Protein backbone atom coordinates (compact mmCIF):
# COMPACT_ATOMS: atom_id res chain seq x y z
CA MET A 1 52.96 -84.62 -101.61
CA ARG A 2 50.55 -89.70 -99.39
CA ALA A 3 49.31 -95.19 -95.39
CA ARG A 4 48.32 -94.15 -92.21
CA GLY A 5 51.21 -94.62 -89.74
CA ALA A 6 54.94 -94.08 -90.12
CA ALA A 7 57.06 -96.40 -92.23
CA LEU A 8 54.00 -98.39 -93.28
CA LEU A 9 54.14 -100.17 -96.62
CA LEU A 10 50.88 -101.40 -98.04
CA ALA A 11 50.21 -103.28 -101.26
CA LEU A 12 46.96 -103.06 -103.18
CA LEU A 13 46.00 -104.93 -106.27
CA VAL A 14 43.33 -102.89 -107.99
CA PRO A 15 41.34 -105.28 -110.19
CA GLY A 16 39.54 -104.59 -113.41
CA ALA A 17 35.81 -103.91 -113.34
CA CYS A 18 34.93 -107.62 -113.12
CA GLY A 19 37.95 -108.74 -111.11
CA GLU A 20 39.88 -109.64 -114.27
CA PRO A 21 41.86 -107.47 -116.69
CA ALA A 22 39.84 -106.28 -119.66
CA ALA A 23 40.32 -108.02 -123.00
CA ARG A 24 43.27 -106.36 -124.66
CA PRO A 25 42.79 -104.63 -128.00
CA GLU A 26 45.67 -104.80 -130.48
CA VAL A 27 45.78 -101.03 -130.81
CA VAL A 28 44.52 -98.31 -128.48
CA GLU A 29 43.98 -94.86 -129.96
CA ALA A 30 43.14 -92.66 -126.98
CA TYR A 31 44.60 -90.08 -124.63
CA GLY A 32 46.49 -88.40 -127.45
CA ALA A 33 48.47 -91.45 -128.54
CA ARG A 34 48.27 -94.55 -130.73
CA VAL A 35 49.60 -97.52 -128.78
CA GLU A 36 50.19 -101.03 -130.08
CA THR A 37 49.63 -103.24 -127.06
CA ALA A 38 51.79 -106.20 -128.08
CA GLY A 39 54.81 -106.35 -125.79
CA LEU A 40 53.44 -103.91 -123.21
CA GLY A 41 53.18 -106.55 -120.50
CA ASP A 42 50.03 -107.25 -118.53
CA ARG A 43 50.81 -105.63 -115.19
CA LEU A 44 52.04 -102.17 -114.16
CA HIS A 45 53.72 -101.82 -110.76
CA LEU A 46 53.40 -98.35 -109.22
CA PHE A 47 55.06 -96.92 -106.07
CA ILE A 48 53.25 -93.81 -104.83
CA TRP A 49 52.05 -91.86 -101.79
CA PRO A 50 48.66 -93.01 -100.36
CA ASP A 51 45.43 -91.20 -101.27
CA TYR A 52 47.14 -89.74 -104.31
CA LEU A 53 45.45 -91.36 -107.32
CA ASP A 54 41.74 -91.57 -108.07
CA PRO A 55 40.80 -95.29 -108.13
CA GLY A 56 38.44 -94.51 -111.00
CA LEU A 57 41.40 -93.43 -113.12
CA VAL A 58 43.22 -96.67 -112.28
CA ARG A 59 40.23 -98.71 -113.44
CA GLU A 60 39.94 -96.64 -116.59
CA PHE A 61 43.59 -97.24 -117.48
CA GLU A 62 43.25 -100.96 -116.79
CA GLN A 63 40.20 -101.28 -118.99
CA ALA A 64 41.60 -99.16 -121.81
CA TYR A 65 44.86 -101.12 -122.11
CA GLY A 66 43.86 -104.55 -120.77
CA VAL A 67 46.32 -104.53 -117.86
CA ASP A 68 46.32 -104.73 -114.08
CA VAL A 69 47.81 -102.00 -111.90
CA VAL A 70 49.54 -103.08 -108.69
CA ILE A 71 50.16 -100.26 -106.21
CA ASP A 72 52.58 -100.09 -103.28
CA TYR A 73 52.51 -97.11 -100.94
CA TYR A 74 55.16 -95.22 -98.97
CA ASP A 75 54.99 -92.38 -96.45
CA ASN A 76 58.04 -90.26 -97.25
CA ASN A 77 60.78 -89.82 -99.80
CA GLU A 78 63.38 -91.41 -97.55
CA ALA A 79 61.35 -94.66 -97.61
CA LEU A 80 61.17 -94.47 -101.41
CA ILE A 81 64.91 -93.86 -101.75
CA ALA A 82 65.71 -96.68 -99.31
CA LYS A 83 63.39 -99.11 -101.11
CA LEU A 84 64.89 -98.46 -104.53
CA GLY A 85 68.38 -98.59 -103.05
CA ALA A 86 67.67 -101.99 -101.49
CA GLY A 87 66.90 -103.65 -104.80
CA GLY A 88 63.42 -102.27 -105.34
CA ALA A 89 64.26 -100.50 -108.59
CA GLY A 90 63.53 -103.64 -110.59
CA GLN A 91 60.19 -104.15 -108.82
CA TYR A 92 58.46 -101.03 -110.11
CA ASP A 93 57.56 -99.61 -113.49
CA VAL A 94 56.63 -96.13 -112.25
CA VAL A 95 57.50 -94.29 -109.05
CA VAL A 96 56.31 -90.92 -107.81
CA ALA A 97 59.26 -89.02 -106.31
CA SER A 98 59.48 -85.50 -104.97
CA ASP A 99 61.92 -82.96 -106.39
CA TYR A 100 65.03 -83.65 -104.31
CA ALA A 101 64.33 -87.40 -104.36
CA VAL A 102 64.52 -87.31 -108.16
CA GLU A 103 67.96 -85.73 -107.83
CA VAL A 104 69.09 -88.34 -105.32
CA LEU A 105 67.80 -91.29 -107.32
CA ARG A 106 69.17 -89.94 -110.58
CA GLY A 107 72.57 -89.43 -108.99
CA GLN A 108 72.49 -93.02 -107.78
CA GLY A 109 71.70 -94.26 -111.28
CA ARG A 110 68.30 -95.57 -110.20
CA LEU A 111 66.21 -93.78 -112.84
CA GLN A 112 66.29 -94.24 -116.59
CA PRO A 113 65.72 -91.66 -119.32
CA LEU A 114 62.20 -91.26 -120.68
CA GLU A 115 61.42 -91.74 -124.36
CA HIS A 116 59.55 -88.53 -125.11
CA ALA A 117 58.17 -89.90 -128.36
CA HIS A 118 56.13 -92.31 -126.24
CA ILE A 119 54.71 -89.46 -124.13
CA PRO A 120 53.12 -87.02 -126.62
CA ASN A 121 51.06 -85.42 -123.85
CA LEU A 122 54.24 -83.86 -122.50
CA LYS A 123 53.12 -80.94 -124.61
CA ASN A 124 50.32 -80.38 -122.07
CA LEU A 125 52.76 -79.46 -119.30
CA ASP A 126 53.01 -75.82 -118.34
CA ALA A 127 56.39 -74.53 -119.52
CA ARG A 128 57.47 -73.93 -115.91
CA PHE A 129 57.30 -77.66 -115.27
CA ARG A 130 59.41 -78.51 -118.29
CA ALA A 131 62.37 -76.63 -116.82
CA LEU A 132 62.44 -77.64 -113.17
CA PRO A 133 65.90 -77.13 -111.64
CA PHE A 134 66.39 -80.76 -110.63
CA ASP A 135 65.55 -82.16 -114.10
CA PRO A 136 65.43 -79.53 -116.86
CA GLY A 137 63.96 -80.94 -120.03
CA ASN A 138 62.20 -83.81 -118.21
CA VAL A 139 65.03 -86.21 -118.94
CA VAL A 140 64.06 -88.69 -116.21
CA SER A 141 60.88 -87.29 -114.69
CA VAL A 142 57.56 -85.61 -115.41
CA CYS A 143 55.71 -83.46 -112.88
CA TYR A 144 52.60 -85.19 -111.52
CA GLN A 145 51.24 -82.70 -108.94
CA TRP A 146 52.60 -79.77 -107.00
CA GLY A 147 51.76 -77.94 -103.82
CA THR A 148 53.11 -76.37 -100.68
CA SER A 149 53.88 -77.39 -97.11
CA GLY A 150 52.44 -75.21 -94.38
CA LEU A 151 50.01 -75.31 -91.49
CA GLY A 152 46.51 -76.71 -91.28
CA ILE A 153 44.59 -74.91 -88.53
CA ARG A 154 41.32 -75.62 -86.74
CA THR A 155 40.26 -71.99 -86.48
CA ASP A 156 37.31 -73.02 -84.29
CA LEU A 157 39.61 -74.61 -81.70
CA LEU A 158 42.67 -72.34 -81.78
CA ARG A 159 43.53 -71.08 -78.30
CA VAL A 160 45.56 -67.99 -79.21
CA ASP A 161 44.72 -64.76 -80.98
CA VAL A 162 47.65 -64.26 -83.33
CA PRO A 163 48.06 -63.96 -87.09
CA LEU A 164 47.68 -67.43 -88.57
CA ASP A 165 50.35 -67.21 -91.27
CA THR A 166 53.36 -67.83 -89.07
CA TRP A 167 55.53 -70.73 -87.95
CA ARG A 168 55.33 -69.17 -84.46
CA LEU A 169 52.24 -71.33 -83.91
CA VAL A 170 54.47 -74.39 -83.68
CA PHE A 171 57.88 -72.96 -82.76
CA ASP A 172 57.23 -70.13 -80.28
CA SER A 173 57.04 -71.66 -76.81
CA ALA A 174 55.29 -68.54 -75.52
CA LEU A 175 52.23 -69.47 -77.55
CA ALA A 176 49.87 -72.30 -76.64
CA PRO A 177 47.69 -72.82 -79.72
CA GLY A 178 46.59 -76.28 -78.59
CA PRO A 179 47.89 -79.72 -79.58
CA PHE A 180 49.89 -79.70 -82.80
CA THR A 181 51.61 -82.23 -85.06
CA MET A 182 54.74 -82.10 -87.18
CA LEU A 183 55.50 -84.11 -90.29
CA SER A 184 57.61 -87.21 -89.72
CA ASP A 185 59.85 -86.11 -92.55
CA PRO A 186 63.37 -84.82 -91.88
CA ARG A 187 63.63 -82.46 -94.84
CA GLU A 188 60.20 -80.94 -94.24
CA THR A 189 60.49 -80.50 -90.48
CA ILE A 190 64.12 -79.40 -90.34
CA GLY A 191 63.36 -77.19 -93.34
CA ALA A 192 60.47 -75.53 -91.49
CA ALA A 193 62.75 -74.77 -88.53
CA LEU A 194 65.38 -73.29 -90.83
CA LEU A 195 62.82 -71.08 -92.56
CA TYR A 196 61.45 -69.83 -89.24
CA LEU A 197 64.99 -68.85 -88.24
CA GLY A 198 65.54 -66.98 -91.49
CA HIS A 199 67.68 -69.56 -93.27
CA SER A 200 67.24 -71.49 -96.49
CA ALA A 201 65.39 -74.80 -96.23
CA ASN A 202 68.36 -76.20 -98.15
CA SER A 203 71.01 -74.78 -95.82
CA THR A 204 74.16 -76.80 -95.27
CA ASP A 205 75.68 -74.23 -92.90
CA PRO A 206 76.59 -76.04 -89.65
CA ALA A 207 75.69 -73.02 -87.52
CA ALA A 208 72.24 -72.70 -89.12
CA LEU A 209 71.61 -76.41 -88.74
CA ALA A 210 72.74 -76.34 -85.10
CA ALA A 211 70.29 -73.51 -84.42
CA ALA A 212 67.51 -75.44 -86.16
CA GLU A 213 68.28 -78.51 -84.06
CA ARG A 214 68.14 -76.48 -80.84
CA LEU A 215 64.75 -75.10 -81.90
CA LEU A 216 63.40 -78.56 -82.70
CA VAL A 217 64.70 -80.03 -79.45
CA ALA A 218 63.05 -77.22 -77.50
CA GLN A 219 59.82 -77.85 -79.42
CA ARG A 220 59.85 -81.64 -79.05
CA SER A 221 58.04 -81.97 -75.71
CA ARG A 222 55.17 -79.83 -77.03
CA VAL A 223 54.63 -81.86 -80.23
CA LEU A 224 51.58 -84.12 -80.05
CA THR A 225 53.20 -86.49 -82.54
CA TYR A 226 55.51 -86.58 -85.54
CA THR A 227 53.32 -88.21 -88.12
CA SER A 228 52.44 -88.89 -91.73
CA PHE A 229 50.40 -86.35 -93.64
CA ALA A 230 47.39 -88.69 -93.59
CA THR A 231 47.41 -89.18 -89.82
CA GLY A 232 48.04 -85.48 -89.32
CA ARG A 233 45.02 -84.76 -91.51
CA ASP A 234 42.88 -87.21 -89.50
CA LEU A 235 43.97 -85.68 -86.18
CA LEU A 236 43.01 -82.25 -87.50
CA LEU A 237 39.62 -83.61 -88.56
CA SER A 238 38.96 -85.19 -85.18
CA GLY A 239 40.05 -82.07 -83.31
CA ASP A 240 42.78 -83.95 -81.46
CA ALA A 241 45.19 -81.57 -83.20
CA VAL A 242 44.50 -77.87 -83.51
CA VAL A 243 47.47 -77.20 -85.79
CA ALA A 244 49.06 -79.66 -88.22
CA HIS A 245 52.26 -79.19 -90.19
CA ASN A 246 51.06 -80.69 -93.45
CA TYR A 247 50.66 -80.50 -97.21
CA SER A 248 48.19 -78.16 -98.86
CA GLY A 249 45.98 -80.75 -100.57
CA ASP A 250 45.63 -82.95 -97.51
CA VAL A 251 44.52 -79.99 -95.42
CA LEU A 252 42.05 -79.01 -98.14
CA MET A 253 40.66 -82.57 -98.16
CA ALA A 254 40.02 -82.10 -94.44
CA LYS A 255 38.52 -78.64 -95.01
CA ALA A 256 35.92 -80.21 -97.31
CA GLU A 257 34.65 -82.07 -94.23
CA VAL A 258 35.24 -79.39 -91.58
CA PRO A 259 34.95 -75.88 -93.06
CA ALA A 260 36.64 -74.32 -90.00
CA ILE A 261 39.93 -75.85 -91.13
CA ARG A 262 42.23 -73.45 -92.95
CA PHE A 263 45.55 -73.97 -94.74
CA VAL A 264 48.13 -71.20 -94.41
CA ILE A 265 51.55 -70.62 -95.91
CA PRO A 266 53.72 -68.98 -93.22
CA HIS A 267 55.05 -65.56 -94.11
CA GLU A 268 58.56 -66.54 -92.98
CA GLY A 269 58.76 -68.88 -95.97
CA ALA A 270 57.66 -72.38 -96.85
CA ILE A 271 58.43 -75.28 -99.14
CA LEU A 272 57.05 -75.61 -102.63
CA TRP A 273 57.28 -79.22 -103.73
CA THR A 274 56.67 -81.13 -106.90
CA ASP A 275 55.90 -84.83 -107.09
CA ASN A 276 57.16 -86.42 -110.26
CA LEU A 277 56.57 -89.56 -112.31
CA ALA A 278 59.74 -91.50 -113.09
CA VAL A 279 60.75 -94.92 -114.41
CA PRO A 280 63.29 -96.83 -112.29
CA ALA A 281 66.34 -98.39 -113.88
CA GLY A 282 65.49 -102.02 -114.49
CA ALA A 283 61.72 -101.39 -114.68
CA PRO A 284 60.11 -104.56 -116.06
CA HIS A 285 57.70 -102.71 -118.37
CA LYS A 286 59.20 -99.38 -119.45
CA ARG A 287 56.96 -98.97 -122.48
CA LEU A 288 53.84 -99.57 -120.39
CA ALA A 289 55.19 -97.10 -117.84
CA GLU A 290 55.42 -94.42 -120.52
CA VAL A 291 51.89 -95.23 -121.69
CA PHE A 292 50.72 -94.72 -118.11
CA ILE A 293 52.58 -91.42 -117.79
CA ASN A 294 51.04 -90.24 -121.06
CA PHE A 295 47.59 -91.25 -119.78
CA LEU A 296 48.05 -89.15 -116.63
CA LEU A 297 49.11 -86.16 -118.73
CA ASP A 298 45.88 -86.20 -120.74
CA ALA A 299 43.97 -82.95 -120.17
CA ASP A 300 40.76 -84.56 -118.90
CA VAL A 301 42.61 -87.13 -116.79
CA GLY A 302 44.83 -84.41 -115.32
CA ALA A 303 41.81 -82.36 -114.28
CA ARG A 304 40.11 -85.35 -112.67
CA LEU A 305 43.33 -86.15 -110.85
CA SER A 306 43.60 -82.69 -109.27
CA ASN A 307 39.90 -82.60 -108.45
CA PHE A 308 40.48 -85.81 -106.48
CA THR A 309 43.77 -84.93 -104.74
CA ARG A 310 42.99 -81.20 -104.18
CA TYR A 311 46.53 -80.40 -105.30
CA ALA A 312 47.68 -78.07 -108.05
CA SER A 313 48.18 -79.46 -111.53
CA PRO A 314 51.26 -78.81 -113.69
CA ASN A 315 49.07 -79.63 -116.70
CA ALA A 316 48.20 -76.41 -118.54
CA ALA A 317 45.71 -78.21 -120.78
CA ALA A 318 43.90 -79.56 -117.72
CA LEU A 319 43.56 -76.20 -115.96
CA PRO A 320 40.30 -75.04 -117.64
CA ARG A 321 38.65 -78.34 -116.63
CA ILE A 322 39.63 -78.21 -112.97
CA ASP A 323 36.95 -77.34 -110.41
CA PRO A 324 36.77 -73.50 -110.49
CA ALA A 325 36.72 -73.34 -106.68
CA LEU A 326 39.98 -75.27 -106.56
CA ARG A 327 41.51 -73.32 -109.42
CA GLY A 328 40.71 -70.03 -107.73
CA ASP A 329 41.90 -70.99 -104.25
CA PRO A 330 45.14 -69.17 -103.32
CA ALA A 331 45.97 -72.02 -100.93
CA VAL A 332 46.22 -74.26 -104.01
CA TYR A 333 47.55 -71.81 -106.58
CA PRO A 334 49.48 -69.13 -104.62
CA ASP A 335 49.96 -65.70 -106.15
CA SER A 336 53.32 -64.39 -107.30
CA ALA A 337 54.05 -62.64 -103.99
CA VAL A 338 53.64 -65.90 -102.06
CA LEU A 339 55.51 -67.93 -104.66
CA ALA A 340 58.47 -65.58 -104.26
CA ARG A 341 59.01 -66.73 -100.67
CA LEU A 342 58.77 -70.46 -101.38
CA GLU A 343 61.69 -72.84 -101.86
CA ILE A 344 62.05 -76.15 -103.68
CA LEU A 345 64.03 -78.75 -101.74
CA ARG A 346 67.25 -79.84 -103.44
CA ASP A 347 69.54 -82.81 -103.03
CA LEU A 348 72.17 -81.84 -100.45
CA GLY A 349 74.79 -84.38 -101.49
CA PRO A 350 77.15 -85.29 -98.63
CA ALA A 351 75.37 -82.78 -96.38
CA ARG A 352 72.39 -85.16 -96.25
CA ALA A 353 74.28 -86.85 -93.42
CA LEU A 354 73.97 -83.68 -91.31
CA TYR A 355 70.18 -83.77 -91.62
CA ASP A 356 70.09 -87.51 -90.94
CA ARG A 357 72.06 -87.07 -87.72
CA ILE A 358 69.84 -84.22 -86.53
CA TRP A 359 66.73 -86.25 -87.25
CA THR A 360 68.07 -89.37 -85.54
CA ARG A 361 68.98 -87.41 -82.41
CA LEU A 362 65.63 -85.59 -82.40
CA ARG A 363 63.54 -88.75 -82.71
CA ALA A 364 65.72 -90.65 -80.23
CA GLY A 365 65.21 -87.92 -77.66
CA GLY A 366 68.92 -87.27 -77.33
């Protein structure tokens, strides 16, 4: 689940500690693996959501392996899919793709199989994340972080007295909770409408989708803005938004600054997502990519990652090292009753066009 502003692509070259890559050792024995550095390449290109990787971990990887890490950012999975489809697959060594995006990219032949022998820390993954429905056995992807999509609420500014765990706050026109934002993401926002109406977030039923579109059109004039998770988080922090459709970790980042902010998972259902590390077909430095994936799966690194992002870790070995307050927060690690009403987004195949048309009409105002 992350540049401020829609469709914004930023590039950041994160230098080594002194502005130059560290001297490269011939062999690195660390993070559960012995790596001969000859032939790794000297630069790793990563495509990832903003605010989603501790810069300290980037510097540590650079110094350990004597490489530079170059990072490009995207705001939603559709931008990632479009970039790789427009010739970007050969530009990146590692991409972070959500569940259904892995399915789409794999179906397009834009991801290559991982060499598990190069990623011994795969053993650290919780068994549930080694059998995800879109890539059982981690053939082309490895879970990076997971979380939920729901509502961030400024409880100190909310203008209505209703239960908080409901999509009614953004879809019921009879309520006036205050200014609210929706994610500028077709699968998330159409999915939320479907769930509120009692349908699957993966529905391809024309009648269900038509009802969801009517709901979203009726809602449109009341939406403060359709925005990225980062801007939605900032608007919640400033108080310009009272409710924000957003991702769990981003709301919890905001809560650390404004304790009155709360993240809720609507009782009508919500989306459980996983973000996954994958290597594009044509990646210039596949072996280095697998070294990087193995590094991120180290138990200590995995804990530091989640402590930074405020998202849940799929890394069972990391769990005891994660901040106890985070580990014990049901907004981060929902209980079994909540998990039972969550859905993972899947690739819709040809039905993707239905969602695209709804989204285009909604954003065009027609």
